[in-house]
């Protein structure tokens, strides 16, 4: 079992001005020492806040795979 202090940490968030308006999402991944591994933000397009948040989750998981984290 791995120690939680030796885990990568990721943060993701999404936002929309109002329902069905332009939305965006951003995410960041940090290694166990706290160094930034990757960060990015993208425009999701016309969507709800929930879709923007879910898109952030999908993008951070994809980014983790690309960087060989999971």
N, C-alpha and C. Protein backbone atom coordinates (compact mmCIF):
# COMPACT_ATOMS: atom_id res chain seq x y z
N UNK A 1 0.85 -1.17 0.00
CA UNK A 1 0.00 0.00 0.00
C UNK A 1 0.89 1.24 0.00
N UNK A 2 0.58 2.20 -0.83
CA UNK A 2 1.40 3.41 -0.91
C UNK A 2 1.02 4.39 0.19
N UNK A 3 1.99 5.15 0.60
CA UNK A 3 1.78 6.19 1.60
C UNK A 3 1.09 7.37 0.93
N UNK A 4 0.06 7.91 1.58
CA UNK A 4 -0.68 9.03 0.98
C UNK A 4 0.21 10.25 0.76
N UNK A 5 1.28 10.39 1.55
CA UNK A 5 2.18 11.52 1.37
C UNK A 5 3.04 11.37 0.13
N UNK A 6 3.04 10.19 -0.48
CA UNK A 6 3.82 9.93 -1.67
C UNK A 6 2.94 9.84 -2.90
N UNK A 7 1.79 10.47 -2.87
CA UNK A 7 0.84 10.42 -3.97
C UNK A 7 0.87 11.71 -4.79
N UNK A 8 0.55 11.57 -6.05
CA UNK A 8 0.35 12.74 -6.88
C UNK A 8 -0.98 13.38 -6.47
N UNK A 9 -1.07 14.69 -6.65
CA UNK A 9 -2.29 15.42 -6.30
C UNK A 9 -2.73 16.21 -7.52
N UNK A 10 -4.03 16.17 -7.78
CA UNK A 10 -4.56 16.93 -8.91
C UNK A 10 -5.75 17.77 -8.49
N UNK A 11 -5.87 18.92 -9.10
CA UNK A 11 -6.99 19.82 -8.86
C UNK A 11 -7.62 20.17 -10.20
N UNK A 12 -8.94 20.12 -10.26
CA UNK A 12 -9.65 20.47 -11.49
C UNK A 12 -10.89 21.27 -11.13
N UNK A 13 -11.26 22.19 -12.00
CA UNK A 13 -12.45 22.99 -11.77
C UNK A 13 -13.00 23.44 -13.11
N UNK A 14 -14.28 23.72 -13.13
CA UNK A 14 -14.93 24.21 -14.33
C UNK A 14 -15.86 25.35 -13.96
N UNK A 15 -16.15 26.21 -14.91
CA UNK A 15 -17.01 27.36 -14.64
C UNK A 15 -17.80 27.76 -15.88
N UNK A 16 -18.96 28.34 -15.62
CA UNK A 16 -19.81 28.88 -16.68
C UNK A 16 -20.48 30.14 -16.14
N UNK A 17 -20.58 31.18 -16.96
CA UNK A 17 -21.20 32.43 -16.51
C UNK A 17 -22.67 32.23 -16.18
N UNK A 18 -23.37 31.51 -16.98
CA UNK A 18 -24.78 31.20 -16.72
C UNK A 18 -25.11 29.94 -17.48
N UNK A 19 -26.28 29.43 -17.26
CA UNK A 19 -26.67 28.18 -17.90
C UNK A 19 -26.57 28.29 -19.43
N UNK A 20 -25.87 27.34 -20.02
CA UNK A 20 -25.71 27.23 -21.48
C UNK A 20 -24.94 28.42 -22.08
N UNK A 21 -23.97 28.97 -21.33
CA UNK A 21 -23.14 30.04 -21.85
C UNK A 21 -21.72 29.50 -22.03
N UNK A 22 -20.80 30.31 -22.50
CA UNK A 22 -19.43 29.86 -22.67
C UNK A 22 -18.85 29.38 -21.35
N UNK A 23 -18.22 28.21 -21.39
CA UNK A 23 -17.67 27.58 -20.19
C UNK A 23 -16.21 27.26 -20.40
N UNK A 24 -15.51 27.08 -19.29
CA UNK A 24 -14.10 26.69 -19.37
C UNK A 24 -13.77 25.76 -18.22
N UNK A 25 -12.63 25.11 -18.35
CA UNK A 25 -12.15 24.22 -17.30
C UNK A 25 -10.63 24.35 -17.20
N UNK A 26 -10.10 24.07 -16.04
CA UNK A 26 -8.65 24.13 -15.82
C UNK A 26 -8.26 23.04 -14.83
N UNK A 27 -7.01 22.61 -14.91
CA UNK A 27 -6.53 21.58 -13.99
C UNK A 27 -5.03 21.71 -13.79
N UNK A 28 -4.57 21.11 -12.68
CA UNK A 28 -3.14 21.10 -12.35
C UNK A 28 -2.83 19.78 -11.64
N UNK A 29 -1.63 19.25 -11.90
CA UNK A 29 -1.17 18.02 -11.26
C UNK A 29 0.17 18.30 -10.60
N UNK A 30 0.31 17.85 -9.35
CA UNK A 30 1.54 18.03 -8.59
C UNK A 30 2.12 16.67 -8.21
N UNK A 31 3.46 16.55 -8.23
CA UNK A 31 4.09 15.29 -7.84
C UNK A 31 4.15 15.21 -6.31
N UNK A 32 4.61 14.06 -5.77
CA UNK A 32 4.63 13.89 -4.30
C UNK A 32 5.45 14.94 -3.55
N UNK A 33 6.44 15.56 -4.21
CA UNK A 33 7.23 16.59 -3.53
C UNK A 33 6.58 17.97 -3.63
N UNK A 34 5.45 18.07 -4.32
CA UNK A 34 4.75 19.34 -4.46
C UNK A 34 5.11 20.13 -5.70
N UNK A 35 5.97 19.57 -6.54
CA UNK A 35 6.36 20.24 -7.78
C UNK A 35 5.25 20.11 -8.82
N UNK A 36 5.04 21.17 -9.57
CA UNK A 36 4.02 21.17 -10.63
C UNK A 36 4.46 20.26 -11.77
N UNK A 37 3.61 19.31 -12.12
CA UNK A 37 3.88 18.39 -13.22
C UNK A 37 3.24 18.91 -14.50
N UNK A 38 2.00 19.36 -14.39
CA UNK A 38 1.26 19.79 -15.57
C UNK A 38 0.12 20.71 -15.15
N UNK A 39 -0.19 21.67 -16.00
CA UNK A 39 -1.39 22.48 -15.79
C UNK A 39 -1.88 22.96 -17.13
N UNK A 40 -3.17 23.20 -17.20
CA UNK A 40 -3.75 23.65 -18.46
C UNK A 40 -5.18 24.13 -18.22
N UNK A 41 -5.66 24.94 -19.10
CA UNK A 41 -7.05 25.38 -19.10
C UNK A 41 -7.55 25.45 -20.53
N UNK A 42 -8.81 25.13 -20.72
CA UNK A 42 -9.38 25.15 -22.07
C UNK A 42 -10.81 25.68 -22.02
N UNK A 43 -11.24 26.21 -23.14
CA UNK A 43 -12.62 26.63 -23.31
C UNK A 43 -13.44 25.39 -23.70
N UNK A 44 -14.50 25.13 -22.97
CA UNK A 44 -15.36 23.97 -23.25
C UNK A 44 -16.38 24.31 -24.32
N UNK A 45 -16.73 25.57 -24.42
CA UNK A 45 -17.75 25.99 -25.38
C UNK A 45 -19.05 26.29 -24.65
N UNK A 46 -20.15 26.24 -25.36
CA UNK A 46 -21.44 26.52 -24.76
C UNK A 46 -21.91 25.30 -23.99
N UNK A 47 -21.92 25.41 -22.67
CA UNK A 47 -22.36 24.29 -21.83
C UNK A 47 -22.74 24.80 -20.45
N UNK A 48 -23.23 23.91 -19.64
CA UNK A 48 -23.59 24.25 -18.26
C UNK A 48 -22.35 24.14 -17.37
N UNK A 49 -22.47 24.64 -16.16
CA UNK A 49 -21.39 24.54 -15.18
C UNK A 49 -21.06 23.08 -14.88
N UNK A 50 -22.09 22.24 -14.79
CA UNK A 50 -21.85 20.82 -14.49
C UNK A 50 -21.03 20.14 -15.58
N UNK A 51 -21.31 20.46 -16.82
CA UNK A 51 -20.53 19.88 -17.92
C UNK A 51 -19.10 20.38 -17.88
N UNK A 52 -18.90 21.66 -17.55
CA UNK A 52 -17.55 22.22 -17.44
C UNK A 52 -16.78 21.51 -16.33
N UNK A 53 -17.42 21.26 -15.19
CA UNK A 53 -16.77 20.57 -14.07
C UNK A 53 -16.41 19.14 -14.47
N UNK A 54 -17.33 18.43 -15.09
CA UNK A 54 -17.09 17.05 -15.51
C UNK A 54 -15.99 17.00 -16.57
N UNK A 55 -15.95 17.97 -17.46
CA UNK A 55 -14.90 18.03 -18.47
C UNK A 55 -13.53 18.19 -17.82
N UNK A 56 -13.46 18.96 -16.73
CA UNK A 56 -12.20 19.11 -15.99
C UNK A 56 -11.73 17.78 -15.43
N UNK A 57 -12.65 16.99 -14.90
CA UNK A 57 -12.30 15.67 -14.38
C UNK A 57 -11.77 14.77 -15.49
N UNK A 58 -12.44 14.75 -16.62
CA UNK A 58 -12.00 13.92 -17.75
C UNK A 58 -10.61 14.36 -18.22
N UNK A 59 -10.40 15.66 -18.34
CA UNK A 59 -9.12 16.18 -18.83
C UNK A 59 -7.97 15.87 -17.87
N UNK A 60 -8.19 16.00 -16.56
CA UNK A 60 -7.11 15.73 -15.62
C UNK A 60 -6.76 14.25 -15.60
N UNK A 61 -7.75 13.38 -15.76
CA UNK A 61 -7.46 11.95 -15.83
C UNK A 61 -6.68 11.61 -17.10
N UNK A 62 -7.05 12.20 -18.23
CA UNK A 62 -6.33 11.99 -19.47
C UNK A 62 -4.89 12.49 -19.34
N UNK A 63 -4.72 13.67 -18.75
CA UNK A 63 -3.39 14.26 -18.57
C UNK A 63 -2.52 13.36 -17.66
N UNK A 64 -3.12 12.79 -16.63
CA UNK A 64 -2.39 11.88 -15.75
C UNK A 64 -1.92 10.65 -16.52
N UNK A 65 -2.74 10.13 -17.40
CA UNK A 65 -2.35 8.97 -18.21
C UNK A 65 -1.20 9.35 -19.15
N UNK A 66 -1.30 10.51 -19.78
CA UNK A 66 -0.26 10.98 -20.69
C UNK A 66 1.09 11.10 -19.97
N UNK A 67 1.06 11.54 -18.71
CA UNK A 67 2.29 11.72 -17.94
C UNK A 67 2.72 10.43 -17.20
N UNK A 68 2.03 9.33 -17.45
CA UNK A 68 2.40 8.05 -16.86
C UNK A 68 2.11 7.96 -15.37
N UNK A 69 1.18 8.74 -14.88
CA UNK A 69 0.87 8.75 -13.46
C UNK A 69 -0.10 7.63 -13.09
N UNK A 70 -1.07 7.35 -13.97
CA UNK A 70 -2.00 6.26 -13.68
C UNK A 70 -2.21 5.41 -14.91
